[in-house]
PDB file of N, CA and C in Angstrom:
ATOM      1  N   UNK A   1      58.332-161.465 204.029  1.00  0.00           N
ATOM      2  CA  UNK A   1      58.185-160.217 204.757  1.00  0.00           C
ATOM      3  C   UNK A   1      58.345-160.494 206.249  1.00  0.00           C
ATOM      4  N   UNK A   2      59.296-159.863 206.884  1.00  0.00           N
ATOM      5  CA  UNK A   2      59.559-160.128 208.284  1.00  0.00           C
ATOM      6  C   UNK A   2      58.754-159.253 209.227  1.00  0.00           C
ATOM      7  N   UNK A   3      58.007-158.303 208.754  1.00  0.00           N
ATOM      8  CA  UNK A   3      57.273-157.406 209.646  1.00  0.00           C
ATOM      9  C   UNK A   3      56.131-158.117 210.357  1.00  0.00           C
ATOM     10  N   UNK A   4      55.721-159.264 209.881  1.00  0.00           N
ATOM     11  CA  UNK A   4      54.636-159.973 210.546  1.00  0.00           C
ATOM     12  C   UNK A   4      55.119-160.844 211.697  1.00  0.00           C
ATOM     13  N   UNK A   5      56.409-160.799 211.975  1.00  0.00           N
ATOM     14  CA  UNK A   5      56.997-161.593 213.051  1.00  0.00           C
ATOM     15  C   UNK A   5      57.328-160.732 214.254  1.00  0.00           C
ATOM     16  N   UNK A   6      57.316-161.362 215.418  1.00  0.00           N
ATOM     17  CA  UNK A   6      57.778-160.698 216.634  1.00  0.00           C
ATOM     18  C   UNK A   6      59.294-160.586 216.561  1.00  0.00           C
ATOM     19  N   UNK A   7      59.900-160.169 217.606  1.00  0.00           N
ATOM     20  CA  UNK A   7      61.359-160.011 217.659  1.00  0.00           C
ATOM     21  C   UNK A   7      62.063-161.340 217.369  1.00  0.00           C
ATOM     22  N   UNK A   8      62.974-161.316 216.419  1.00  0.00           N
ATOM     23  CA  UNK A   8      63.762-162.507 216.102  1.00  0.00           C
ATOM     24  C   UNK A   8      64.764-162.744 217.215  1.00  0.00           C
ATOM     25  N   UNK A   9      64.977-164.010 217.576  1.00  0.00           N
ATOM     26  CA  UNK A   9      65.954-164.360 218.595  1.00  0.00           C
ATOM     27  C   UNK A   9      66.765-165.573 218.136  1.00  0.00           C
ATOM     28  N   UNK A  10      68.040-165.547 218.480  1.00  0.00           N
ATOM     29  CA  UNK A  10      68.932-166.627 218.068  1.00  0.00           C
ATOM     30  C   UNK A  10      68.849-167.775 219.060  1.00  0.00           C
ATOM     31  N   UNK A  11      68.933-168.982 218.550  1.00  0.00           N
ATOM     32  CA  UNK A  11      68.938-170.163 219.404  1.00  0.00           C
ATOM     33  C   UNK A  11      70.103-170.101 220.370  1.00  0.00           C
ATOM     34  N   UNK A  12      69.873-170.513 221.600  1.00  0.00           N
ATOM     35  CA  UNK A  12      70.957-170.564 222.578  1.00  0.00           C
ATOM     36  C   UNK A  12      71.956-171.671 222.238  1.00  0.00           C
ATOM     37  N   UNK A  13      71.586-172.563 221.328  1.00  0.00           N
ATOM     38  CA  UNK A  13      72.474-173.658 220.923  1.00  0.00           C
ATOM     39  C   UNK A  13      73.251-173.340 219.655  1.00  0.00           C
ATOM     40  N   UNK A  14      73.061-172.162 219.100  1.00  0.00           N
ATOM     41  CA  UNK A  14      73.795-171.769 217.892  1.00  0.00           C
ATOM     42  C   UNK A  14      75.197-171.331 218.263  1.00  0.00           C
ATOM     43  N   UNK A  15      76.125-171.620 217.357  1.00  0.00           N
ATOM     44  CA  UNK A  15      77.487-171.113 217.532  1.00  0.00           C
ATOM     45  C   UNK A  15      77.773-170.146 216.391  1.00  0.00           C
ATOM     46  N   UNK A  16      79.004-169.710 216.258  1.00  0.00           N
ATOM     47  CA  UNK A  16      79.334-168.714 215.239  1.00  0.00           C
ATOM     48  C   UNK A  16      79.112-169.213 213.817  1.00  0.00           C
ATOM     49  N   UNK A  17      79.173-170.499 213.590  1.00  0.00           N
ATOM     50  CA  UNK A  17      79.045-171.009 212.230  1.00  0.00           C
ATOM     51  C   UNK A  17      77.668-171.544 211.884  1.00  0.00           C
ATOM     52  N   UNK A  18      76.845-171.828 212.868  1.00  0.00           N
ATOM     53  CA  UNK A  18      75.532-172.433 212.633  1.00  0.00           C
ATOM     54  C   UNK A  18      74.469-171.654 213.390  1.00  0.00           C
ATOM     55  N   UNK A  19      74.012-170.559 212.817  1.00  0.00           N
ATOM     56  CA  UNK A  19      73.097-169.673 213.533  1.00  0.00           C
ATOM     57  C   UNK A  19      71.670-169.798 213.010  1.00  0.00           C
ATOM     58  N   UNK A  20      70.774-170.076 213.913  1.00  0.00           N
ATOM     59  CA  UNK A  20      69.359-170.181 213.593  1.00  0.00           C
ATOM     60  C   UNK A  20      68.619-169.171 214.458  1.00  0.00           C
ATOM     61  N   UNK A  21      67.684-168.448 213.842  1.00  0.00           N
ATOM     62  CA  UNK A  21      66.849-167.516 214.583  1.00  0.00           C
ATOM     63  C   UNK A  21      65.395-167.935 214.436  1.00  0.00           C
ATOM     64  N   UNK A  22      64.596-167.615 215.438  1.00  0.00           N
ATOM     65  CA  UNK A  22      63.177-167.892 215.316  1.00  0.00           C
ATOM     66  C   UNK A  22      62.367-166.744 215.889  1.00  0.00           C
ATOM     67  N   UNK A  23      61.126-166.668 215.423  1.00  0.00           N
ATOM     68  CA  UNK A  23      60.194-165.639 215.883  1.00  0.00           C
ATOM     69  C   UNK A  23      58.780-166.164 215.702  1.00  0.00           C
ATOM     70  N   UNK A  24      57.884-165.677 216.523  1.00  0.00           N
ATOM     71  CA  UNK A  24      56.475-166.027 216.372  1.00  0.00           C
ATOM     72  C   UNK A  24      55.838-165.068 215.376  1.00  0.00           C
ATOM     73  N   UNK A  25      54.991-165.603 214.524  1.00  0.00           N
ATOM     74  CA  UNK A  25      54.257-164.769 213.576  1.00  0.00           C
ATOM     75  C   UNK A  25      52.974-164.294 214.233  1.00  0.00           C
ATOM     76  N   UNK A  26      52.443-163.183 213.747  1.00  0.00           N
ATOM     77  CA  UNK A  26      51.226-162.630 214.344  1.00  0.00           C
ATOM     78  C   UNK A  26      50.050-163.585 214.210  1.00  0.00           C
ATOM     79  N   UNK A  27      50.083-164.485 213.226  1.00  0.00           N
ATOM     80  CA  UNK A  27      48.982-165.439 213.038  1.00  0.00           C
ATOM     81  C   UNK A  27      49.240-166.784 213.708  1.00  0.00           C
ATOM     82  N   UNK A  28      50.298-166.874 214.547  1.00  0.00           N
ATOM     83  CA  UNK A  28      50.499-168.053 215.376  1.00  0.00           C
ATOM     84  C   UNK A  28      51.551-169.043 214.944  1.00  0.00           C
ATOM     85  N   UNK A  29      52.090-168.939 213.744  1.00  0.00           N
ATOM     86  CA  UNK A  29      53.118-169.886 213.334  1.00  0.00           C
ATOM     87  C   UNK A  29      54.481-169.470 213.885  1.00  0.00           C
ATOM     88  N   UNK A  30      55.454-170.360 213.752  1.00  0.00           N
ATOM     89  CA  UNK A  30      56.822-170.099 214.181  1.00  0.00           C
ATOM     90  C   UNK A  30      57.679-169.960 212.927  1.00  0.00           C
ATOM     91  N   UNK A  31      58.388-168.851 212.809  1.00  0.00           N
ATOM     92  CA  UNK A  31      59.291-168.623 211.682  1.00  0.00           C
ATOM     93  C   UNK A  31      60.707-168.971 212.075  1.00  0.00           C
ATOM     94  N   UNK A  32      61.436-169.597 211.149  1.00  0.00           N
ATOM     95  CA  UNK A  32      62.828-169.981 211.375  1.00  0.00           C
ATOM     96  C   UNK A  32      63.638-169.496 210.187  1.00  0.00           C
ATOM     97  N   UNK A  33      64.778-168.866 210.466  1.00  0.00           N
ATOM     98  CA  UNK A  33      65.638-168.366 209.383  1.00  0.00           C
ATOM     99  C   UNK A  33      67.104-168.485 209.771  1.00  0.00           C
ATOM    100  N   UNK A  34      67.961-168.302 208.778  1.00  0.00           N
ATOM    101  CA  UNK A  34      69.410-168.282 208.972  1.00  0.00           C
ATOM    102  C   UNK A  34      69.789-166.866 209.393  1.00  0.00           C
ATOM    103  N   UNK A  35      70.416-166.716 210.543  1.00  0.00           N
ATOM    104  CA  UNK A  35      70.745-165.380 211.042  1.00  0.00           C
ATOM    105  C   UNK A  35      71.783-164.665 210.181  1.00  0.00           C
ATOM    106  N   UNK A  36      72.532-165.407 209.382  1.00  0.00           N
ATOM    107  CA  UNK A  36      73.523-164.788 208.501  1.00  0.00           C
ATOM    108  C   UNK A  36      72.896-164.298 207.199  1.00  0.00           C
ATOM    109  N   UNK A  37      71.643-164.651 206.946  1.00  0.00           N
ATOM    110  CA  UNK A  37      70.951-164.258 205.719  1.00  0.00           C
ATOM    111  C   UNK A  37      69.533-163.814 206.082  1.00  0.00           C
ATOM    112  N   UNK A  38      69.420-162.672 206.755  1.00  0.00           N
ATOM    113  CA  UNK A  38      68.128-162.234 207.282  1.00  0.00           C
ATOM    114  C   UNK A  38      67.125-161.848 206.201  1.00  0.00           C
ATOM    115  N   UNK A  39      67.582-161.647 204.976  1.00  0.00           N
ATOM    116  CA  UNK A  39      66.655-161.368 203.873  1.00  0.00           C
ATOM    117  C   UNK A  39      66.330-162.626 203.082  1.00  0.00           C
ATOM    118  N   UNK A  40      66.904-163.747 203.495  1.00  0.00           N
ATOM    119  CA  UNK A  40      66.684-165.015 202.809  1.00  0.00           C
ATOM    120  C   UNK A  40      65.351-165.648 203.195  1.00  0.00           C
ATOM    121  N   UNK A  41      65.177-166.886 202.810  1.00  0.00           N
ATOM    122  CA  UNK A  41      63.899-167.571 203.062  1.00  0.00           C
ATOM    123  C   UNK A  41      63.632-167.800 204.544  1.00  0.00           C
ATOM    124  N   UNK A  42      62.357-167.857 204.867  1.00  0.00           N
ATOM    125  CA  UNK A  42      61.894-168.142 206.221  1.00  0.00           C
ATOM    126  C   UNK A  42      61.040-169.400 206.154  1.00  0.00           C
ATOM    127  N   UNK A  43      61.365-170.369 206.969  1.00  0.00           N
ATOM    128  CA  UNK A  43      60.541-171.565 207.087  1.00  0.00           C
ATOM    129  C   UNK A  43      59.496-171.298 208.150  1.00  0.00           C
ATOM    130  N   UNK A  44      58.253-171.675 207.888  1.00  0.00           N
ATOM    131  CA  UNK A  44      57.188-171.467 208.857  1.00  0.00           C
ATOM    132  C   UNK A  44      56.597-172.802 209.290  1.00  0.00           C
ATOM    133  N   UNK A  45      56.374-172.933 210.580  1.00  0.00           N
ATOM    134  CA  UNK A  45      55.839-174.165 211.147  1.00  0.00           C
ATOM    135  C   UNK A  45      54.625-173.860 212.016  1.00  0.00           C
ATOM    136  N   UNK A  46      53.656-174.759 211.996  1.00  0.00           N
ATOM    137  CA  UNK A  46      52.542-174.657 212.944  1.00  0.00           C
ATOM    138  C   UNK A  46      53.096-174.909 214.339  1.00  0.00           C
ATOM    139  N   UNK A  47      52.512-174.313 215.366  1.00  0.00           N
ATOM    140  CA  UNK A  47      53.037-174.503 216.724  1.00  0.00           C
ATOM    141  C   UNK A  47      53.125-175.963 217.152  1.00  0.00           C
ATOM    142  N   UNK A  48      52.140-176.780 216.798  1.00  0.00           N
ATOM    143  CA  UNK A  48      52.196-178.195 217.193  1.00  0.00           C
ATOM    144  C   UNK A  48      53.315-178.933 216.486  1.00  0.00           C
ATOM    145  N   UNK A  49      53.573-178.592 215.236  1.00  0.00           N
ATOM    146  CA  UNK A  49      54.671-179.208 214.485  1.00  0.00           C
ATOM    147  C   UNK A  49      56.011-178.805 215.077  1.00  0.00           C
ATOM    148  N   UNK A  50      56.164-177.526 215.413  1.00  0.00           N
ATOM    149  CA  UNK A  50      57.407-177.030 216.004  1.00  0.00           C
ATOM    150  C   UNK A  50      57.646-177.695 217.361  1.00  0.00           C
ATOM    151  N   UNK A  51      56.602-177.817 218.167  1.00  0.00           N
ATOM    152  CA  UNK A  51      56.738-178.472 219.478  1.00  0.00           C
ATOM    153  C   UNK A  51      57.144-179.931 219.335  1.00  0.00           C
ATOM    154  N   UNK A  52      56.569-180.627 218.356  1.00  0.00           N
ATOM    155  CA  UNK A  52      56.938-182.026 218.121  1.00  0.00           C
ATOM    156  C   UNK A  52      58.397-182.127 217.695  1.00  0.00           C
ATOM    157  N   UNK A  53      58.844-181.219 216.845  1.00  0.00           N
ATOM    158  CA  UNK A  53      60.227-181.214 216.374  1.00  0.00           C
ATOM    159  C   UNK A  53      61.194-180.950 217.530  1.00  0.00           C
ATOM    160  N   UNK A  54      60.957-179.888 218.300  1.00  0.00           N
ATOM    161  CA  UNK A  54      61.869-179.577 219.399  1.00  0.00           C
ATOM    162  C   UNK A  54      61.805-180.638 220.498  1.00  0.00           C
ATOM    163  N   UNK A  55      60.642-181.227 220.707  1.00  0.00           N
ATOM    164  CA  UNK A  55      60.538-182.332 221.657  1.00  0.00           C
ATOM    165  C   UNK A  55      61.347-183.536 221.203  1.00  0.00           C
ATOM    166  N   UNK A  56      61.330-183.798 219.903  1.00  0.00           N
ATOM    167  CA  UNK A  56      62.137-184.882 219.347  1.00  0.00           C
ATOM    168  C   UNK A  56      63.622-184.645 219.521  1.00  0.00           C
ATOM    169  N   UNK A  57      64.033-183.392 219.369  1.00  0.00           N
ATOM    170  CA  UNK A  57      65.446-183.051 219.590  1.00  0.00           C
ATOM    171  C   UNK A  57      65.816-183.332 221.040  1.00  0.00           C
ATOM    172  N   UNK A  58      64.988-182.857 221.964  1.00  0.00           N
ATOM    173  CA  UNK A  58      65.269-183.063 223.397  1.00  0.00           C
ATOM    174  C   UNK A  58      65.319-184.554 223.754  1.00  0.00           C
ATOM    175  N   UNK A  59      64.513-185.350 223.071  1.00  0.00           N
ATOM    176  CA  UNK A  59      64.459-186.790 223.345  1.00  0.00           C
ATOM    177  C   UNK A  59      65.570-187.562 222.643  1.00  0.00           C
ATOM    178  N   UNK A  60      66.385-186.874 221.834  1.00  0.00           N
ATOM    179  CA  UNK A  60      67.495-187.535 221.145  1.00  0.00           C
ATOM    180  C   UNK A  60      67.086-188.301 219.897  1.00  0.00           C
ATOM    181  N   UNK A  61      65.925-188.015 219.350  1.00  0.00           N
ATOM    182  CA  UNK A  61      65.453-188.743 218.164  1.00  0.00           C
ATOM    183  C   UNK A  61      66.221-188.386 216.899  1.00  0.00           C
ATOM    184  N   UNK A  62      66.953-187.270 216.912  1.00  0.00           N
ATOM    185  CA  UNK A  62      67.646-186.826 215.703  1.00  0.00           C
ATOM    186  C   UNK A  62      69.154-186.837 215.889  1.00  0.00           C
ATOM    187  N   UNK A  63      69.647-187.645 216.816  1.00  0.00           N
ATOM    188  CA  UNK A  63      71.082-187.713 217.067  1.00  0.00           C
ATOM    189  C   UNK A  63      71.793-188.312 215.862  1.00  0.00           C
ATOM    190  N   UNK A  64      73.022-187.895 215.673  1.00  0.00           N
ATOM    191  CA  UNK A  64      73.819-188.414 214.550  1.00  0.00           C
ATOM    192  C   UNK A  64      74.279-189.796 214.812  1.00  0.00           C
TER     193      UNK A  64
END
């Protein structure tokens, strides 16, 4: 159910083929979904987990 989320926004790093959207849930978690399938599954992360993940990306820990 997406009504418990704030406004969905697309990542500034998404392109036409790889679109990710995220929104904050009213209970504090971060929701992540595929923008091409808005009725599909939503992954939910605790704020500290999401911060660790995005911090790892910025630090290059997940480079190919």
